[in-house]
Structures are given as C-alpha cells and as structure tokens.
Amino acid sequence: MGRIDHRANHCAVPRQDGAASSQRRPLPSPEDVFIAWLLWLPDGVDLPEAALQEIAKLDHRAALPPGAKRLRDLLLAVARGAGLKS
C-alpha cells in the first residue's frame, strides 16, 4: 500500500457562485484503510509478509497518530496470523 498523504484529503469544492472553496474531508477510519489495503492486494500474496511490509513503513514515522496506531495493530494481527485459516 502506498503512503497515506493527509494533504490528499484537502480538496477544492465549487461554491454556488462557481468559485472554488477549500474544505477538508475527514480521514477514513483505520478499519476502512485496512479493508482497502486487503482489497488492493493481488491474488495469492503472502498476507503476513505484506502486512509486515506495511508495518515497516508505518514504523519509519517518528510518532503515529491514534488512527495509524490502530491500523498498525490491524496489520500486526494479520502478520501474526490472527484469525487466518490455512
């Protein structure tokens, strides 16, 4: 999964007079990001290995906000095989 750029949630929304106004959309929940990541993975991928790669990306950040910590926990559950059947 690529990097999550919080600035990408900043969008221009046309006002009634046709001019663009700036609004912020709320960030997706960690669970929504996790589901999107799962759906993005190609068939046959090694889920635990893919999760470890994403965890490594998150771990390069100095401080994780609470939502990113929750996402890391979800990925860690996959990396450990929690709830997965072989």
Protein backbone atom coordinates (compact mmCIF):
# COMPACT_ATOMS: atom_id res chain seq x y z
CA MET A 1 0.00 0.00 0.00
CA GLY A 2 1.29 3.45 -0.79
CA ARG A 3 1.85 6.18 1.74
CA ILE A 4 -1.14 7.92 3.19
CA ASP A 5 -0.80 11.62 2.48
CA HIS A 6 -3.11 13.55 4.78
CA ARG A 7 -2.80 16.54 2.48
CA ALA A 8 -4.64 14.48 -0.16
CA ASN A 9 -7.76 14.91 1.95
CA HIS A 10 -7.74 18.59 1.14
CA CYS A 11 -9.98 19.24 -1.83
CA ALA A 12 -11.48 22.16 -3.69
CA VAL A 13 -15.27 22.22 -3.68
CA PRO A 14 -17.14 24.55 -6.06
CA ARG A 15 -19.29 27.12 -4.29
CA GLN A 16 -22.65 28.21 -5.60
CA ASP A 17 -21.04 31.22 -7.30
CA GLY A 18 -18.68 28.88 -9.19
CA ALA A 19 -15.55 29.81 -7.25
CA ALA A 20 -13.64 27.05 -5.53
CA SER A 21 -13.69 26.93 -1.75
CA SER A 22 -11.37 24.83 0.31
CA GLN A 23 -12.74 22.15 2.63
CA ARG A 24 -11.23 19.23 4.49
CA ARG A 25 -12.78 15.81 4.28
CA PRO A 26 -12.47 13.61 7.34
CA LEU A 27 -9.81 10.92 7.16
CA PRO A 28 -11.05 7.38 6.59
CA SER A 29 -11.17 5.13 9.64
CA PRO A 30 -8.26 2.74 10.23
CA GLU A 31 -10.67 -0.13 9.52
CA ASP A 32 -11.64 1.40 6.15
CA VAL A 33 -7.96 1.83 5.24
CA PHE A 34 -7.28 -1.77 6.31
CA ILE A 35 -10.14 -3.12 4.17
CA ALA A 36 -8.99 -1.04 1.19
CA TRP A 37 -5.47 -2.43 1.65
CA LEU A 38 -6.79 -6.00 1.73
CA LEU A 39 -8.82 -5.43 -1.45
CA TRP A 40 -5.84 -3.80 -3.16
CA LEU A 41 -3.57 -6.81 -2.64
CA PRO A 42 -3.08 -9.10 -5.63
CA ASP A 43 -4.38 -12.66 -5.52
CA GLY A 44 -2.03 -15.16 -3.94
CA VAL A 45 0.02 -12.62 -1.98
CA ASP A 46 1.57 -13.72 1.30
CA LEU A 47 -0.68 -11.74 3.69
CA PRO A 48 1.61 -11.85 6.74
CA GLU A 49 4.59 -10.71 4.65
CA ALA A 50 2.58 -7.91 3.02
CA ALA A 51 1.39 -6.79 6.45
CA LEU A 52 4.97 -6.74 7.76
CA GLN A 53 5.98 -4.52 4.85
CA GLU A 54 3.23 -2.04 5.69
CA ILE A 55 4.16 -2.13 9.39
CA ALA A 56 7.75 -1.31 8.44
CA LYS A 57 6.52 1.74 6.51
CA LEU A 58 4.50 2.93 9.49
CA ASP A 59 7.40 2.30 11.86
CA HIS A 60 9.58 4.75 9.90
CA ARG A 61 7.43 7.60 11.19
CA ALA A 62 8.58 9.32 14.36
CA ALA A 63 5.16 9.42 16.01
CA LEU A 64 1.98 7.76 14.87
CA PRO A 65 -1.40 9.36 15.43
CA PRO A 66 -4.02 7.14 17.13
CA GLY A 67 -5.63 6.10 13.84
CA ALA A 68 -2.30 4.99 12.39
CA LYS A 69 -1.57 3.05 15.59
CA ARG A 70 -4.91 1.25 15.21
CA LEU A 71 -4.08 0.47 11.56
CA ARG A 72 -0.71 -0.89 12.67
CA ASP A 73 -2.47 -3.12 15.22
CA LEU A 74 -4.76 -4.50 12.49
CA LEU A 75 -1.78 -5.18 10.24
CA LEU A 76 0.08 -6.80 13.14
CA ALA A 77 -2.85 -9.18 13.67
CA VAL A 78 -2.52 -10.26 10.03
CA ALA A 79 1.26 -10.57 10.31
CA ARG A 80 0.84 -12.86 13.32
CA GLY A 81 -1.81 -14.90 11.52
CA ALA A 82 -4.61 -13.99 13.94
CA GLY A 83 -7.90 -15.24 12.57
CA LEU A 84 -6.36 -16.67 9.39
CA LYS A 85 -7.05 -20.22 8.34
CA SER A 86 -4.55 -22.16 6.26
